[in-house]
Structures are given as structure tokens and as C-alpha cells.
Amino acid sequence: MPGTNRFAIDAILTERGTLRHTPAGIPAIECELSHRSQQPEAGGERRVECEMRAVAFGAVAEALLRIDVGSAVRCEGFVARRYRTGTSLALHVTRIEQDS
């Protein structure tokens, strides 16, 4: 089974939920990211605009609390189901930094 699942995106933090804790006591937070860019595709340039849901746990969730909505961020992580029993996808953020 292939093992690579890495994702990175520069985006604007457009929405941030409230900090909650998992049953195991781990801090967790959901947010929405908005991305706009030009990307090379098939010898041309493609304008890309999208929004995506993201979730962060532990220290990354706590760091996300300190970033203002509307800020530019770089997020890295992996793509997985948004909810354990659901079918929609979300970026599970393992690293976030605010762009200056």
C-alpha cells in the first residue's frame, strides 16, 4: 500500500472554530482556509481558487488559536476524512506558520 500523503498550502485563515478536547484530552480545533494562486498545468497557467476545511490537534491547535482570522498562513499536513465516520476530506494540519 502506498504511504505518501503530504500536503502544503499557502492560504488565508477565513474561519476558526472554538478549541475543544478529544475524549483523550487532546486539544482540537477546526478551521477553513481560502487559497488563490496561479498554477502551471498542461503547458499553461491555471487560476486556482478554493476553500477547504482543516483540523489541528495538540500544540498545533493551540498555535492556531493565536493566529487572527484573515491572516495569511502556510499549512502542512496530510489529507484524511474530516470525521472518523464521514466521507468528506479535510487537511489535518501538522505544522502551521503565519506569513509575515
PDB file of N, CA and C in Angstrom:
ATOM      1  N   MET A   1       0.848  -1.178   0.000  1.00  0.00           N
ATOM      2  CA  MET A   1       0.000   0.000   0.000  1.00  0.00           C
ATOM      3  C   MET A   1       0.895   1.242   0.000  1.00  0.00           C
ATOM      4  N   PRO A   2       0.641   2.208  -0.888  1.00  0.00           N
ATOM      5  CA  PRO A   2       1.431   3.441  -0.913  1.00  0.00           C
ATOM      6  C   PRO A   2       1.314   4.193   0.412  1.00  0.00           C
ATOM      7  N   GLY A   3       2.391   4.903   0.788  1.00  0.00           N
ATOM      8  CA  GLY A   3       2.375   5.575   2.080  1.00  0.00           C
ATOM      9  C   GLY A   3       2.453   7.089   2.038  1.00  0.00           C
ATOM     10  N   THR A   4       2.674   7.687   0.867  1.00  0.00           N
ATOM     11  CA  THR A   4       2.837   9.135   0.821  1.00  0.00           C
ATOM     12  C   THR A   4       1.498   9.850   0.873  1.00  0.00           C
ATOM     13  N   ASN A   5       1.370  10.769   1.807  1.00  0.00           N
ATOM     14  CA  ASN A   5       0.191  11.623   1.929  1.00  0.00           C
ATOM     15  C   ASN A   5       0.669  12.902   2.594  1.00  0.00           C
ATOM     16  N   ARG A   6       1.226  13.802   1.811  1.00  0.00           N
ATOM     17  CA  ARG A   6       1.738  15.072   2.313  1.00  0.00           C
ATOM     18  C   ARG A   6       1.080  16.199   1.530  1.00  0.00           C
ATOM     19  N   PHE A   7       0.776  17.273   2.235  1.00  0.00           N
ATOM     20  CA  PHE A   7       0.055  18.375   1.617  1.00  0.00           C
ATOM     21  C   PHE A   7       0.569  19.677   2.217  1.00  0.00           C
ATOM     22  N   ALA A   8       0.785  20.671   1.377  1.00  0.00           N
ATOM     23  CA  ALA A   8       1.181  22.002   1.843  1.00  0.00           C
ATOM     24  C   ALA A   8       0.402  23.035   1.048  1.00  0.00           C
ATOM     25  N   ILE A   9      -0.011  24.104   1.711  1.00  0.00           N
ATOM     26  CA  ILE A   9      -0.789  25.135   1.030  1.00  0.00           C
ATOM     27  C   ILE A   9      -0.573  26.484   1.718  1.00  0.00           C
ATOM     28  N   ASP A  10      -0.476  27.523   0.900  1.00  0.00           N
ATOM     29  CA  ASP A  10      -0.488  28.902   1.392  1.00  0.00           C
ATOM     30  C   ASP A  10      -1.927  29.370   1.273  1.00  0.00           C
ATOM     31  N   ALA A  11      -2.453  29.924   2.345  1.00  0.00           N
ATOM     32  CA  ALA A  11      -3.881  30.263   2.352  1.00  0.00           C
ATOM     33  C   ALA A  11      -4.150  31.403   3.321  1.00  0.00           C
ATOM     34  N   ILE A  12      -5.398  31.822   3.331  1.00  0.00           N
ATOM     35  CA  ILE A  12      -5.901  32.788   4.305  1.00  0.00           C
ATOM     36  C   ILE A  12      -6.787  32.017   5.283  1.00  0.00           C
ATOM     37  N   LEU A  13      -6.586  32.239   6.564  1.00  0.00           N
ATOM     38  CA  LEU A  13      -7.436  31.639   7.590  1.00  0.00           C
ATOM     39  C   LEU A  13      -8.748  32.421   7.592  1.00  0.00           C
ATOM     40  N   THR A  14      -9.811  31.822   7.049  1.00  0.00           N
ATOM     41  CA  THR A  14     -11.074  32.546   6.901  1.00  0.00           C
ATOM     42  C   THR A  14     -12.081  32.253   8.010  1.00  0.00           C
ATOM     43  N   GLU A  15     -11.865  31.192   8.736  1.00  0.00           N
ATOM     44  CA  GLU A  15     -12.800  30.829   9.815  1.00  0.00           C
ATOM     45  C   GLU A  15     -12.054  29.943  10.805  1.00  0.00           C
ATOM     46  N   ARG A  16     -12.343  30.133  12.080  1.00  0.00           N
ATOM     47  CA  ARG A  16     -11.723  29.302  13.109  1.00  0.00           C
ATOM     48  C   ARG A  16     -12.772  28.950  14.140  1.00  0.00           C
ATOM     49  N   GLY A  17     -12.885  27.695  14.441  1.00  0.00           N
ATOM     50  CA  GLY A  17     -13.825  27.245  15.455  1.00  0.00           C
ATOM     51  C   GLY A  17     -13.276  27.479  16.857  1.00  0.00           C
ATOM     52  N   THR A  18     -13.963  26.955  17.839  1.00  0.00           N
ATOM     53  CA  THR A  18     -13.506  27.074  19.223  1.00  0.00           C
ATOM     54  C   THR A  18     -12.704  25.837  19.598  1.00  0.00           C
ATOM     55  N   LEU A  19     -11.776  26.031  20.508  1.00  0.00           N
ATOM     56  CA  LEU A  19     -10.944  24.921  20.965  1.00  0.00           C
ATOM     57  C   LEU A  19     -11.811  23.942  21.743  1.00  0.00           C
ATOM     58  N   ARG A  20     -11.666  22.683  21.418  1.00  0.00           N
ATOM     59  CA  ARG A  20     -12.352  21.618  22.159  1.00  0.00           C
ATOM     60  C   ARG A  20     -11.292  20.591  22.524  1.00  0.00           C
ATOM     61  N   HIS A  21     -11.699  19.554  23.206  1.00  0.00           N
ATOM     62  CA  HIS A  21     -10.772  18.485  23.568  1.00  0.00           C
ATOM     63  C   HIS A  21     -11.371  17.142  23.177  1.00  0.00           C
ATOM     64  N   THR A  22     -10.530  16.276  22.660  1.00  0.00           N
ATOM     65  CA  THR A  22     -10.966  14.925  22.304  1.00  0.00           C
ATOM     66  C   THR A  22     -11.252  14.151  23.589  1.00  0.00           C
ATOM     67  N   PRO A  23     -11.906  12.987  23.493  1.00  0.00           N
ATOM     68  CA  PRO A  23     -12.123  12.174  24.696  1.00  0.00           C
ATOM     69  C   PRO A  23     -10.814  11.827  25.426  1.00  0.00           C
ATOM     70  N   ALA A  24      -9.704  11.819  24.690  1.00  0.00           N
ATOM     71  CA  ALA A  24      -8.402  11.540  25.308  1.00  0.00           C
ATOM     72  C   ALA A  24      -7.776  12.797  25.915  1.00  0.00           C
ATOM     73  N   GLY A  25      -8.467  13.949  25.804  1.00  0.00           N
ATOM     74  CA  GLY A  25      -7.984  15.185  26.394  1.00  0.00           C
ATOM     75  C   GLY A  25      -7.058  15.999  25.503  1.00  0.00           C
ATOM     76  N   ILE A  26      -6.969  15.664  24.222  1.00  0.00           N
ATOM     77  CA  ILE A  26      -6.090  16.376  23.294  1.00  0.00           C
ATOM     78  C   ILE A  26      -6.822  17.589  22.733  1.00  0.00           C
ATOM     79  N   PRO A  27      -6.195  18.775  22.771  1.00  0.00           N
ATOM     80  CA  PRO A  27      -6.818  19.961  22.186  1.00  0.00           C
ATOM     81  C   PRO A  27      -7.059  19.767  20.687  1.00  0.00           C
ATOM     82  N   ALA A  28      -8.197  20.247  20.196  1.00  0.00           N
ATOM     83  CA  ALA A  28      -8.545  20.117  18.774  1.00  0.00           C
ATOM     84  C   ALA A  28      -9.302  21.357  18.335  1.00  0.00           C
ATOM     85  N   ILE A  29      -9.088  21.741  17.077  1.00  0.00           N
ATOM     86  CA  ILE A  29      -9.797  22.910  16.544  1.00  0.00           C
ATOM     87  C   ILE A  29      -9.990  22.717  15.038  1.00  0.00           C
ATOM     88  N   GLU A  30     -11.123  23.180  14.534  1.00  0.00           N
ATOM     89  CA  GLU A  30     -11.403  23.146  13.098  1.00  0.00           C
ATOM     90  C   GLU A  30     -11.311  24.554  12.546  1.00  0.00           C
ATOM     91  N   CYS A  31     -10.990  24.651  11.252  1.00  0.00           N
ATOM     92  CA  CYS A  31     -10.931  25.956  10.603  1.00  0.00           C
ATOM     93  C   CYS A  31     -11.210  25.804   9.118  1.00  0.00           C
ATOM     94  N   GLU A  32     -11.319  26.947   8.446  1.00  0.00           N
ATOM     95  CA  GLU A  32     -11.472  26.952   6.997  1.00  0.00           C
ATOM     96  C   GLU A  32     -10.358  27.802   6.410  1.00  0.00           C
ATOM     97  N   LEU A  33      -9.793  27.323   5.311  1.00  0.00           N
ATOM     98  CA  LEU A  33      -8.716  28.002   4.607  1.00  0.00           C
ATOM     99  C   LEU A  33      -9.190  28.384   3.217  1.00  0.00           C
ATOM    100  N   SER A  34      -8.754  29.542   2.748  1.00  0.00           N
ATOM    101  CA  SER A  34      -9.077  30.002   1.398  1.00  0.00           C
ATOM    102  C   SER A  34      -7.764  30.189   0.642  1.00  0.00           C
ATOM    103  N   HIS A  35      -7.702  29.621  -0.554  1.00  0.00           N
ATOM    104  CA  HIS A  35      -6.469  29.657  -1.352  1.00  0.00           C
ATOM    105  C   HIS A  35      -6.756  30.237  -2.728  1.00  0.00           C
ATOM    106  N   ARG A  36      -5.847  31.105  -3.203  1.00  0.00           N
ATOM    107  CA  ARG A  36      -5.919  31.643  -4.557  1.00  0.00           C
ATOM    108  C   ARG A  36      -4.502  31.716  -5.100  1.00  0.00           C
ATOM    109  N   SER A  37      -4.307  31.207  -6.333  1.00  0.00           N
ATOM    110  CA  SER A  37      -2.978  31.247  -6.942  1.00  0.00           C
ATOM    111  C   SER A  37      -3.074  30.958  -8.428  1.00  0.00           C
ATOM    112  N   GLN A  38      -1.939  31.059  -9.094  1.00  0.00           N
ATOM    113  CA  GLN A  38      -1.774  30.633 -10.481  1.00  0.00           C
ATOM    114  C   GLN A  38      -0.891  29.383 -10.435  1.00  0.00           C
ATOM    115  N   GLN A  39      -1.290  28.323 -11.134  1.00  0.00           N
ATOM    116  CA  GLN A  39      -0.535  27.077 -11.132  1.00  0.00           C
ATOM    117  C   GLN A  39      -0.286  26.624 -12.563  1.00  0.00           C
ATOM    118  N   PRO A  40       0.922  26.104 -12.833  1.00  0.00           N
ATOM    119  CA  PRO A  40       1.197  25.597 -14.167  1.00  0.00           C
ATOM    120  C   PRO A  40       0.437  24.285 -14.407  1.00  0.00           C
ATOM    121  N   GLU A  41      -0.165  24.174 -15.601  1.00  0.00           N
ATOM    122  CA  GLU A  41      -0.877  22.944 -15.941  1.00  0.00           C
ATOM    123  C   GLU A  41      -0.918  22.808 -17.453  1.00  0.00           C
ATOM    124  N   ALA A  42      -0.470  21.666 -17.953  1.00  0.00           N
ATOM    125  CA  ALA A  42      -0.534  21.335 -19.384  1.00  0.00           C
ATOM    126  C   ALA A  42       0.054  22.442 -20.262  1.00  0.00           C
ATOM    127  N   GLY A  43       1.187  22.980 -19.841  1.00  0.00           N
ATOM    128  CA  GLY A  43       1.855  23.997 -20.630  1.00  0.00           C
ATOM    129  C   GLY A  43       1.287  25.393 -20.497  1.00  0.00           C
ATOM    130  N   GLY A  44       0.295  25.572 -19.653  1.00  0.00           N
ATOM    131  CA  GLY A  44      -0.304  26.892 -19.457  1.00  0.00           C
ATOM    132  C   GLY A  44      -0.384  27.233 -17.989  1.00  0.00           C
ATOM    133  N   GLU A  45      -1.101  28.290 -17.706  1.00  0.00           N
ATOM    134  CA  GLU A  45      -1.323  28.721 -16.325  1.00  0.00           C
ATOM    135  C   GLU A  45      -2.799  28.563 -15.985  1.00  0.00           C
ATOM    136  N   ARG A  46      -3.061  28.026 -14.825  1.00  0.00           N
ATOM    137  CA  ARG A  46      -4.437  27.851 -14.385  1.00  0.00           C
ATOM    138  C   ARG A  46      -4.655  28.677 -13.122  1.00  0.00           C
ATOM    139  N   ARG A  47      -5.723  29.438 -13.115  1.00  0.00           N
ATOM    140  CA  ARG A  47      -6.102  30.201 -11.920  1.00  0.00           C
ATOM    141  C   ARG A  47      -6.815  29.243 -10.968  1.00  0.00           C
ATOM    142  N   VAL A  48      -6.344  29.198  -9.741  1.00  0.00           N
ATOM    143  CA  VAL A  48      -6.895  28.279  -8.746  1.00  0.00           C
ATOM    144  C   VAL A  48      -7.504  29.088  -7.605  1.00  0.00           C
ATOM    145  N   GLU A  49      -8.737  28.790  -7.280  1.00  0.00           N
ATOM    146  CA  GLU A  49      -9.420  29.369  -6.125  1.00  0.00           C
ATOM    147  C   GLU A  49     -10.178  28.248  -5.440  1.00  0.00           C
ATOM    148  N   CYS A  50      -9.938  28.076  -4.142  1.00  0.00           N
ATOM    149  CA  CYS A  50     -10.655  27.018  -3.426  1.00  0.00           C
ATOM    150  C   CYS A  50     -10.689  27.315  -1.937  1.00  0.00           C
ATOM    151  N   GLU A  51     -11.630  26.695  -1.284  1.00  0.00           N
ATOM    152  CA  GLU A  51     -11.736  26.737   0.159  1.00  0.00           C
ATOM    153  C   GLU A  51     -11.646  25.304   0.644  1.00  0.00           C
ATOM    154  N   MET A  52     -11.069  25.121   1.807  1.00  0.00           N
ATOM    155  CA  MET A  52     -11.001  23.764   2.356  1.00  0.00           C
ATOM    156  C   MET A  52     -11.091  23.790   3.873  1.00  0.00           C
ATOM    157  N   ARG A  53     -11.656  22.735   4.383  1.00  0.00           N
ATOM    158  CA  ARG A  53     -11.741  22.556   5.824  1.00  0.00           C
ATOM    159  C   ARG A  53     -10.428  21.968   6.305  1.00  0.00           C
ATOM    160  N   ALA A  54     -10.060  22.326   7.523  1.00  0.00           N
ATOM    161  CA  ALA A  54      -8.839  21.804   8.128  1.00  0.00           C
ATOM    162  C   ALA A  54      -9.103  21.567   9.608  1.00  0.00           C
ATOM    163  N   VAL A  55      -8.296  20.699  10.183  1.00  0.00           N
ATOM    164  CA  VAL A  55      -8.391  20.395  11.602  1.00  0.00           C
ATOM    165  C   VAL A  55      -6.972  20.276  12.146  1.00  0.00           C
ATOM    166  N   ALA A  56      -6.784  20.695  13.390  1.00  0.00           N
ATOM    167  CA  ALA A  56      -5.468  20.602  14.026  1.00  0.00           C
ATOM    168  C   ALA A  56      -5.645  20.071  15.445  1.00  0.00           C
ATOM    169  N   PHE A  57      -4.628  19.377  15.916  1.00  0.00           N
ATOM    170  CA  PHE A  57      -4.663  18.780  17.248  1.00  0.00           C
ATOM    171  C   PHE A  57      -3.412  19.164  18.036  1.00  0.00           C
ATOM    172  N   GLY A  58      -3.499  19.074  19.347  1.00  0.00           N
ATOM    173  CA  GLY A  58      -2.346  19.291  20.215  1.00  0.00           C
ATOM    174  C   GLY A  58      -1.794  20.700  20.142  1.00  0.00           C
ATOM    175  N   ALA A  59      -0.456  20.800  20.112  1.00  0.00           N
ATOM    176  CA  ALA A  59       0.217  22.098  20.105  1.00  0.00           C
ATOM    177  C   ALA A  59      -0.116  22.902  18.858  1.00  0.00           C
ATOM    178  N   VAL A  60      -0.379  22.238  17.735  1.00  0.00           N
ATOM    179  CA  VAL A  60      -0.737  22.950  16.502  1.00  0.00           C
ATOM    180  C   VAL A  60      -2.103  23.620  16.673  1.00  0.00           C
ATOM    181  N   ALA A  61      -3.039  22.952  17.323  1.00  0.00           N
ATOM    182  CA  ALA A  61      -4.354  23.549  17.597  1.00  0.00           C
ATOM    183  C   ALA A  61      -4.202  24.774  18.488  1.00  0.00           C
ATOM    184  N   GLU A  62      -3.359  24.685  19.485  1.00  0.00           N
ATOM    185  CA  GLU A  62      -3.144  25.818  20.384  1.00  0.00           C
ATOM    186  C   GLU A  62      -2.465  26.978  19.644  1.00  0.00           C
ATOM    187  N   ALA A  63      -1.544  26.673  18.727  1.00  0.00           N
ATOM    188  CA  ALA A  63      -0.887  27.719  17.927  1.00  0.00           C
ATOM    189  C   ALA A  63      -1.900  28.407  17.018  1.00  0.00           C
ATOM    190  N   LEU A  64      -2.838  27.635  16.471  1.00  0.00           N
ATOM    191  CA  LEU A  64      -3.858  28.188  15.585  1.00  0.00           C
ATOM    192  C   LEU A  64      -4.733  29.209  16.312  1.00  0.00           C
ATOM    193  N   LEU A  65      -4.927  29.027  17.596  1.00  0.00           N
ATOM    194  CA  LEU A  65      -5.710  29.981  18.396  1.00  0.00           C
ATOM    195  C   LEU A  65      -5.073  31.361  18.422  1.00  0.00           C
ATOM    196  N   ARG A  66      -3.758  31.431  18.274  1.00  0.00           N
ATOM    197  CA  ARG A  66      -3.042  32.705  18.358  1.00  0.00           C
ATOM    198  C   ARG A  66      -2.951  33.425  17.009  1.00  0.00           C
ATOM    199  N   ILE A  67      -3.511  32.831  15.958  1.00  0.00           N
ATOM    200  CA  ILE A  67      -3.478  33.438  14.630  1.00  0.00           C
ATOM    201  C   ILE A  67      -4.836  34.067  14.343  1.00  0.00           C
ATOM    202  N   ASP A  68      -4.832  35.322  13.975  1.00  0.00           N
ATOM    203  CA  ASP A  68      -6.078  36.041  13.706  1.00  0.00           C
ATOM    204  C   ASP A  68      -6.731  35.562  12.413  1.00  0.00           C
ATOM    205  N   VAL A  69      -8.048  35.474  12.428  1.00  0.00           N
ATOM    206  CA  VAL A  69      -8.803  35.200  11.207  1.00  0.00           C
ATOM    207  C   VAL A  69      -8.477  36.324  10.222  1.00  0.00           C
ATOM    208  N   GLY A  70      -8.255  35.959   8.964  1.00  0.00           N
ATOM    209  CA  GLY A  70      -7.868  36.927   7.943  1.00  0.00           C
ATOM    210  C   GLY A  70      -6.368  36.927   7.684  1.00  0.00           C
ATOM    211  N   SER A  71      -5.610  36.217   8.513  1.00  0.00           N
ATOM    212  CA  SER A  71      -4.157  36.163   8.355  1.00  0.00           C
ATOM    213  C   SER A  71      -3.749  35.170   7.277  1.00  0.00           C
ATOM    214  N   ALA A  72      -2.620  35.472   6.628  1.00  0.00           N
ATOM    215  CA  ALA A  72      -2.022  34.546   5.662  1.00  0.00           C
ATOM    216  C   ALA A  72      -1.228  33.497   6.442  1.00  0.00           C
ATOM    217  N   VAL A  73      -1.404  32.237   6.070  1.00  0.00           N
ATOM    218  CA  VAL A  73      -0.731  31.132   6.753  1.00  0.00           C
ATOM    219  C   VAL A  73      -0.175  30.140   5.739  1.00  0.00           C
ATOM    220  N   ARG A  74       0.814  29.394   6.157  1.00  0.00           N
ATOM    221  CA  ARG A  74       1.298  28.237   5.404  1.00  0.00           C
ATOM    222  C   ARG A  74       1.004  27.026   6.273  1.00  0.00           C
ATOM    223  N   CYS A  75       0.244  26.093   5.717  1.00  0.00           N
ATOM    224  CA  CYS A  75      -0.134  24.890   6.453  1.00  0.00           C
ATOM    225  C   CYS A  75       0.476  23.663   5.781  1.00  0.00           C
ATOM    226  N   GLU A  76       0.946  22.742   6.592  1.00  0.00           N
ATOM    227  CA  GLU A  76       1.440  21.461   6.106  1.00  0.00           C
ATOM    228  C   GLU A  76       0.750  20.369   6.900  1.00  0.00           C
ATOM    229  N   GLY A  77       0.546  19.239   6.254  1.00  0.00           N
ATOM    230  CA  GLY A  77      -0.092  18.121   6.932  1.00  0.00           C
ATOM    231  C   GLY A  77      -0.429  17.013   5.965  1.00  0.00           C
ATOM    232  N   PHE A  78      -1.540  16.359   6.220  1.00  0.00           N
ATOM    233  CA  PHE A  78      -1.991  15.259   5.375  1.00  0.00           C
ATOM    234  C   PHE A  78      -3.500  15.338   5.205  1.00  0.00           C
ATOM    235  N   VAL A  79      -4.000  14.717   4.168  1.00  0.00           N
ATOM    236  CA  VAL A  79      -5.431  14.722   3.877  1.00  0.00           C
ATOM    237  C   VAL A  79      -6.042  13.425   4.409  1.00  0.00           C
ATOM    238  N   ALA A  80      -7.152  13.569   5.120  1.00  0.00           N
ATOM    239  CA  ALA A  80      -7.868  12.409   5.659  1.00  0.00           C
ATOM    240  C   ALA A  80      -9.330  12.787   5.814  1.00  0.00           C
ATOM    241  N   ARG A  81     -10.132  11.835   6.214  1.00  0.00           N
ATOM    242  CA  ARG A  81     -11.540  12.132   6.467  1.00  0.00           C
ATOM    243  C   ARG A  81     -11.659  13.211   7.520  1.00  0.00           C
ATOM    244  N   ARG A  82     -12.617  14.086   7.311  1.00  0.00           N
ATOM    245  CA  ARG A  82     -12.852  15.171   8.270  1.00  0.00           C
ATOM    246  C   ARG A  82     -13.310  14.605   9.608  1.00  0.00           C
ATOM    247  N   TYR A  83     -14.216  13.663   9.539  1.00  0.00           N
ATOM    248  CA  TYR A  83     -14.697  12.956  10.727  1.00  0.00           C
ATOM    249  C   TYR A  83     -14.421  11.474  10.530  1.00  0.00           C
ATOM    250  N   ARG A  84     -14.158  10.785  11.605  1.00  0.00           N
ATOM    251  CA  ARG A  84     -13.804   9.365  11.528  1.00  0.00           C
ATOM    252  C   ARG A  84     -14.800   8.534  10.729  1.00  0.00           C
ATOM    253  N   THR A  85     -16.085   8.847  10.851  1.00  0.00           N
ATOM    254  CA  THR A  85     -17.104   8.040  10.191  1.00  0.00           C
ATOM    255  C   THR A  85     -17.680   8.710   8.945  1.00  0.00           C
ATOM    256  N   GLY A  86     -17.139   9.868   8.551  1.00  0.00           N
ATOM    257  CA  GLY A  86     -17.677  10.599   7.402  1.00  0.00           C
ATOM    258  C   GLY A  86     -16.963  10.266   6.106  1.00  0.00           C
ATOM    259  N   THR A  87     -17.340  10.973   5.051  1.00  0.00           N
ATOM    260  CA  THR A  87     -16.707  10.770   3.749  1.00  0.00           C
ATOM    261  C   THR A  87     -16.036  12.042   3.229  1.00  0.00           C
ATOM    262  N   SER A  88     -16.323  13.201   3.821  1.00  0.00           N
ATOM    263  CA  SER A  88     -15.691  14.437   3.355  1.00  0.00           C
ATOM    264  C   SER A  88     -14.253  14.502   3.858  1.00  0.00           C
ATOM    265  N   LEU A  89     -13.400  15.190   3.078  1.00  0.00           N
ATOM    266  CA  LEU A  89     -11.983  15.279   3.403  1.00  0.00           C
ATOM    267  C   LEU A  89     -11.641  16.598   4.072  1.00  0.00           C
ATOM    268  N   ALA A  90     -10.549  16.595   4.816  1.00  0.00           N
ATOM    269  CA  ALA A  90     -10.017  17.807   5.429  1.00  0.00           C
ATOM    270  C   ALA A  90      -8.503  17.688   5.499  1.00  0.00           C
ATOM    271  N   LEU A  91      -7.859  18.832   5.533  1.00  0.00           N
ATOM    272  CA  LEU A  91      -6.428  18.867   5.775  1.00  0.00           C
ATOM    273  C   LEU A  91      -6.208  18.725   7.278  1.00  0.00           C
ATOM    274  N   HIS A  92      -5.464  17.729   7.676  1.00  0.00           N
ATOM    275  CA  HIS A  92      -5.083  17.554   9.077  1.00  0.00           C
ATOM    276  C   HIS A  92      -3.736  18.253   9.241  1.00  0.00           C
ATOM    277  N   VAL A  93      -3.765  19.426   9.843  1.00  0.00           N
ATOM    278  CA  VAL A  93      -2.591  20.289   9.908  1.00  0.00           C
ATOM    279  C   VAL A  93      -1.621  19.788  10.975  1.00  0.00           C
ATOM    280  N   THR A  94      -0.383  19.536  10.552  1.00  0.00           N
ATOM    281  CA  THR A  94       0.661  19.118  11.491  1.00  0.00           C
ATOM    282  C   THR A  94       1.695  20.209  11.718  1.00  0.00           C
ATOM    283  N   ARG A  95       1.640  21.259  10.885  1.00  0.00           N
ATOM    284  CA  ARG A  95       2.541  22.403  11.029  1.00  0.00           C
ATOM    285  C   ARG A  95       1.847  23.623  10.441  1.00  0.00           C
ATOM    286  N   ILE A  96       1.886  24.738  11.174  1.00  0.00           N
ATOM    287  CA  ILE A  96       1.300  25.978  10.670  1.00  0.00           C
ATOM    288  C   ILE A  96       2.214  27.132  11.036  1.00  0.00           C
ATOM    289  N   GLU A  97       2.368  28.043  10.101  1.00  0.00           N
ATOM    290  CA  GLU A  97       3.106  29.267  10.403  1.00  0.00           C
ATOM    291  C   GLU A  97       2.391  30.439   9.749  1.00  0.00           C
ATOM    292  N   GLN A  98       2.419  31.534  10.438  1.00  0.00           N
ATOM    293  CA  GLN A  98       1.800  32.751   9.915  1.00  0.00           C
ATOM    294  C   GLN A  98       2.790  33.444   9.005  1.00  0.00           C
ATOM    295  N   ASP A  99       2.341  33.793   7.790  1.00  0.00           N
ATOM    296  CA  ASP A  99       3.194  34.540   6.868  1.00  0.00           C
ATOM    297  C   ASP A  99       3.281  35.978   7.344  1.00  0.00           C
ATOM    298  N   SER A 100       4.471  36.569   7.188  1.00  0.00           N
ATOM    299  CA  SER A 100       4.611  37.956   7.627  1.00  0.00           C
ATOM    300  C   SER A 100       4.170  38.930   6.594  1.00  0.00           C
TER     301      SER A 100
END
